[in-house]
Amino acid sequence: MTQAYPPEDDKGLSMRNITHLIYGLFALGLLSAGFFGIATIAAVILAYLKRGDAAGTLYAKHFDWVIKTFWWGMLWVVLSALATFIFIGWITGVIALVWVVYRIIKGWLALLSGQSPAAEY
């Protein structure tokens, strides 16, 4: 069963393209090991700005997915940084990074298949 995308007007980028842009910016920030960390922040800001426009559509769930991934990832990175004082922060930091990468890949693949990301948080 395929899911039809909601009709969109032809003004500017479509919600689908904006969602791809958000995932792409987030991935760029991660792949560059923080060098383009501003790209990740831009992705989250764009998700916050467009979340209202996408309300009630498939894309709103993707925006929420990216926003929650960012904030949970930030929490775990900060806790891991604090835990480096007791020498386990490096392990938890790597686990947090793998989790964030997993969620970005899972969300982007769900977008490509026309579905919303799973509701596991």
C-alpha atoms as a PDB file:
ATOM      1  CA  MET A   1       0.000   0.000   0.000  1.00  0.00           C
ATOM      2  CA  THR A   2       1.408   3.347  -0.964  1.00  0.00           C
ATOM      3  CA  GLN A   3       0.659   6.509   0.904  1.00  0.00           C
ATOM      4  CA  ALA A   4      -0.302   9.542  -1.160  1.00  0.00           C
ATOM      5  CA  TYR A   5       1.357  12.814  -0.314  1.00  0.00           C
ATOM      6  CA  PRO A   6      -0.952  15.711   0.482  1.00  0.00           C
ATOM      7  CA  PRO A   7      -1.412  18.282  -2.271  1.00  0.00           C
ATOM      8  CA  GLU A   8       0.905  21.240  -2.022  1.00  0.00           C
ATOM      9  CA  ASP A   9       0.948  24.650  -3.615  1.00  0.00           C
ATOM     10  CA  ASP A  10       3.764  25.548  -6.001  1.00  0.00           C
ATOM     11  CA  LYS A  11       5.150  28.402  -3.907  1.00  0.00           C
ATOM     12  CA  GLY A  12       8.742  27.757  -2.886  1.00  0.00           C
ATOM     13  CA  LEU A  13      10.036  24.418  -1.741  1.00  0.00           C
ATOM     14  CA  SER A  14       7.584  21.630  -1.076  1.00  0.00           C
ATOM     15  CA  MET A  15       7.298  20.170   2.406  1.00  0.00           C
ATOM     16  CA  ARG A  16       8.890  16.991   1.095  1.00  0.00           C
ATOM     17  CA  ASN A  17      11.931  18.906  -0.156  1.00  0.00           C
ATOM     18  CA  ILE A  18      12.178  20.887   3.081  1.00  0.00           C
ATOM     19  CA  THR A  19      12.107  17.638   5.042  1.00  0.00           C
ATOM     20  CA  HIS A  20      14.911  16.229   2.878  1.00  0.00           C
ATOM     21  CA  LEU A  21      16.838  19.461   3.440  1.00  0.00           C
ATOM     22  CA  ILE A  22      16.404  19.136   7.211  1.00  0.00           C
ATOM     23  CA  TYR A  23      17.699  15.562   7.223  1.00  0.00           C
ATOM     24  CA  GLY A  24      20.550  16.547   4.897  1.00  0.00           C
ATOM     25  CA  LEU A  25      21.630  19.475   7.065  1.00  0.00           C
ATOM     26  CA  PHE A  26      21.489  17.338  10.181  1.00  0.00           C
ATOM     27  CA  ALA A  27      23.563  14.615   8.522  1.00  0.00           C
ATOM     28  CA  LEU A  28      26.089  17.168   7.242  1.00  0.00           C
ATOM     29  CA  GLY A  29      26.574  18.457  10.763  1.00  0.00           C
ATOM     30  CA  LEU A  30      27.149  14.930  12.054  1.00  0.00           C
ATOM     31  CA  LEU A  31      29.403  13.766   9.226  1.00  0.00           C
ATOM     32  CA  SER A  32      31.658  16.781   9.520  1.00  0.00           C
ATOM     33  CA  ALA A  33      32.356  15.925  13.179  1.00  0.00           C
ATOM     34  CA  GLY A  34      31.150  19.310  14.346  1.00  0.00           C
ATOM     35  CA  PHE A  35      32.977  21.386  11.742  1.00  0.00           C
ATOM     36  CA  PHE A  36      29.623  22.219  10.161  1.00  0.00           C
ATOM     37  CA  GLY A  37      27.762  21.949  13.471  1.00  0.00           C
ATOM     38  CA  ILE A  38      25.871  25.056  12.469  1.00  0.00           C
ATOM     39  CA  ALA A  39      24.179  22.901   9.811  1.00  0.00           C
ATOM     40  CA  THR A  40      22.647  20.726  12.526  1.00  0.00           C
ATOM     41  CA  ILE A  41      21.428  23.793  14.383  1.00  0.00           C
ATOM     42  CA  ALA A  42      20.016  25.187  11.127  1.00  0.00           C
ATOM     43  CA  ALA A  43      18.178  21.900  10.548  1.00  0.00           C
ATOM     44  CA  VAL A  44      16.541  22.058  13.961  1.00  0.00           C
ATOM     45  CA  ILE A  45      15.610  25.730  13.578  1.00  0.00           C
ATOM     46  CA  LEU A  46      14.101  24.997  10.156  1.00  0.00           C
ATOM     47  CA  ALA A  47      12.153  22.074  11.649  1.00  0.00           C
ATOM     48  CA  TYR A  48      10.785  24.355  14.368  1.00  0.00           C
ATOM     49  CA  LEU A  49       9.858  27.052  11.829  1.00  0.00           C
ATOM     50  CA  LYS A  50       8.091  24.703   9.414  1.00  0.00           C
ATOM     51  CA  ARG A  51       6.419  22.457  11.977  1.00  0.00           C
ATOM     52  CA  GLY A  52       3.320  24.658  12.075  1.00  0.00           C
ATOM     53  CA  ASP A  53       3.009  24.641   8.272  1.00  0.00           C
ATOM     54  CA  ALA A  54       3.179  20.854   8.243  1.00  0.00           C
ATOM     55  CA  ALA A  55       0.643  20.300  11.025  1.00  0.00           C
ATOM     56  CA  GLY A  56      -1.606  17.336  10.303  1.00  0.00           C
ATOM     57  CA  THR A  57       0.632  15.935   7.577  1.00  0.00           C
ATOM     58  CA  LEU A  58       3.184  13.191   7.386  1.00  0.00           C
ATOM     59  CA  TYR A  59       5.963  15.762   7.487  1.00  0.00           C
ATOM     60  CA  ALA A  60       5.014  17.084  10.928  1.00  0.00           C
ATOM     61  CA  LYS A  61       5.999  13.731  12.422  1.00  0.00           C
ATOM     62  CA  HIS A  62       9.352  13.940  10.669  1.00  0.00           C
ATOM     63  CA  PHE A  63       9.931  17.433  12.058  1.00  0.00           C
ATOM     64  CA  ASP A  64       9.084  16.214  15.565  1.00  0.00           C
ATOM     65  CA  TRP A  65      11.397  13.227  15.018  1.00  0.00           C
ATOM     66  CA  VAL A  66      14.335  15.491  14.113  1.00  0.00           C
ATOM     67  CA  ILE A  67      13.666  17.900  16.982  1.00  0.00           C
ATOM     68  CA  LYS A  68      13.459  15.104  19.560  1.00  0.00           C
ATOM     69  CA  THR A  69      16.567  13.462  18.128  1.00  0.00           C
ATOM     70  CA  PHE A  70      18.481  16.713  18.504  1.00  0.00           C
ATOM     71  CA  TRP A  71      17.434  17.437  22.084  1.00  0.00           C
ATOM     72  CA  TRP A  72      17.845  13.870  23.355  1.00  0.00           C
ATOM     73  CA  GLY A  73      21.195  13.688  21.576  1.00  0.00           C
ATOM     74  CA  MET A  74      22.296  16.953  23.200  1.00  0.00           C
ATOM     75  CA  LEU A  75      21.265  15.661  26.611  1.00  0.00           C
ATOM     76  CA  TRP A  76      23.292  12.469  26.193  1.00  0.00           C
ATOM     77  CA  VAL A  77      26.321  14.291  24.808  1.00  0.00           C
ATOM     78  CA  VAL A  78      26.321  16.703  27.762  1.00  0.00           C
ATOM     79  CA  LEU A  79      25.914  13.849  30.249  1.00  0.00           C
ATOM     80  CA  SER A  80      28.691  11.948  28.471  1.00  0.00           C
ATOM     81  CA  ALA A  81      30.956  14.984  28.651  1.00  0.00           C
ATOM     82  CA  LEU A  82      30.338  15.156  32.394  1.00  0.00           C
ATOM     83  CA  ALA A  83      30.939  11.416  32.701  1.00  0.00           C
ATOM     84  CA  THR A  84      34.398  11.712  31.163  1.00  0.00           C
ATOM     85  CA  PHE A  85      35.575  12.720  34.629  1.00  0.00           C
ATOM     86  CA  ILE A  86      34.869   9.155  35.771  1.00  0.00           C
ATOM     87  CA  PHE A  87      36.246   7.687  32.527  1.00  0.00           C
ATOM     88  CA  ILE A  88      33.013   6.257  31.091  1.00  0.00           C
ATOM     89  CA  GLY A  89      31.992   9.338  29.133  1.00  0.00           C
ATOM     90  CA  TRP A  90      33.773   8.233  25.986  1.00  0.00           C
ATOM     91  CA  ILE A  91      31.737   5.033  25.848  1.00  0.00           C
ATOM     92  CA  THR A  92      28.414   6.756  26.479  1.00  0.00           C
ATOM     93  CA  GLY A  93      29.358   9.505  24.007  1.00  0.00           C
ATOM     94  CA  VAL A  94      29.952   6.964  21.242  1.00  0.00           C
ATOM     95  CA  ILE A  95      26.676   5.236  22.091  1.00  0.00           C
ATOM     96  CA  ALA A  96      24.849   8.580  21.928  1.00  0.00           C
ATOM     97  CA  LEU A  97      26.426   9.378  18.553  1.00  0.00           C
ATOM     98  CA  VAL A  98      25.470   5.970  17.148  1.00  0.00           C
ATOM     99  CA  TRP A  99      21.901   6.474  18.426  1.00  0.00           C
ATOM    100  CA  VAL A 100      21.602   9.896  16.745  1.00  0.00           C
ATOM    101  CA  VAL A 101      22.987   8.553  13.448  1.00  0.00           C
ATOM    102  CA  TYR A 102      20.573   5.610  13.646  1.00  0.00           C
ATOM    103  CA  ARG A 103      17.586   7.929  14.138  1.00  0.00           C
ATOM    104  CA  ILE A 104      18.575  10.205  11.267  1.00  0.00           C
ATOM    105  CA  ILE A 105      19.000   7.245   8.913  1.00  0.00           C
ATOM    106  CA  LYS A 106      15.755   5.643  10.075  1.00  0.00           C
ATOM    107  CA  GLY A 107      13.806   8.881   9.691  1.00  0.00           C
ATOM    108  CA  TRP A 108      15.260   9.671   6.276  1.00  0.00           C
ATOM    109  CA  LEU A 109      14.528   6.157   4.998  1.00  0.00           C
ATOM    110  CA  ALA A 110      10.964   6.465   6.290  1.00  0.00           C
ATOM    111  CA  LEU A 111      10.618   9.747   4.394  1.00  0.00           C
ATOM    112  CA  LEU A 112      11.915   8.146   1.210  1.00  0.00           C
ATOM    113  CA  SER A 113       9.343   5.363   1.532  1.00  0.00           C
ATOM    114  CA  GLY A 114       6.519   7.844   2.225  1.00  0.00           C
ATOM    115  CA  GLN A 115       5.967   6.854   5.844  1.00  0.00           C
ATOM    116  CA  SER A 116       6.348   8.540   9.186  1.00  0.00           C
ATOM    117  CA  PRO A 117       9.153   7.448  11.478  1.00  0.00           C
ATOM    118  CA  ALA A 118       8.183   4.903  14.135  1.00  0.00           C
ATOM    119  CA  ALA A 119       6.860   6.301  17.375  1.00  0.00           C
ATOM    120  CA  GLU A 120       9.639   4.953  19.588  1.00  0.00           C
ATOM    121  CA  TYR A 121      11.293   7.597  21.716  1.00  0.00           C
END
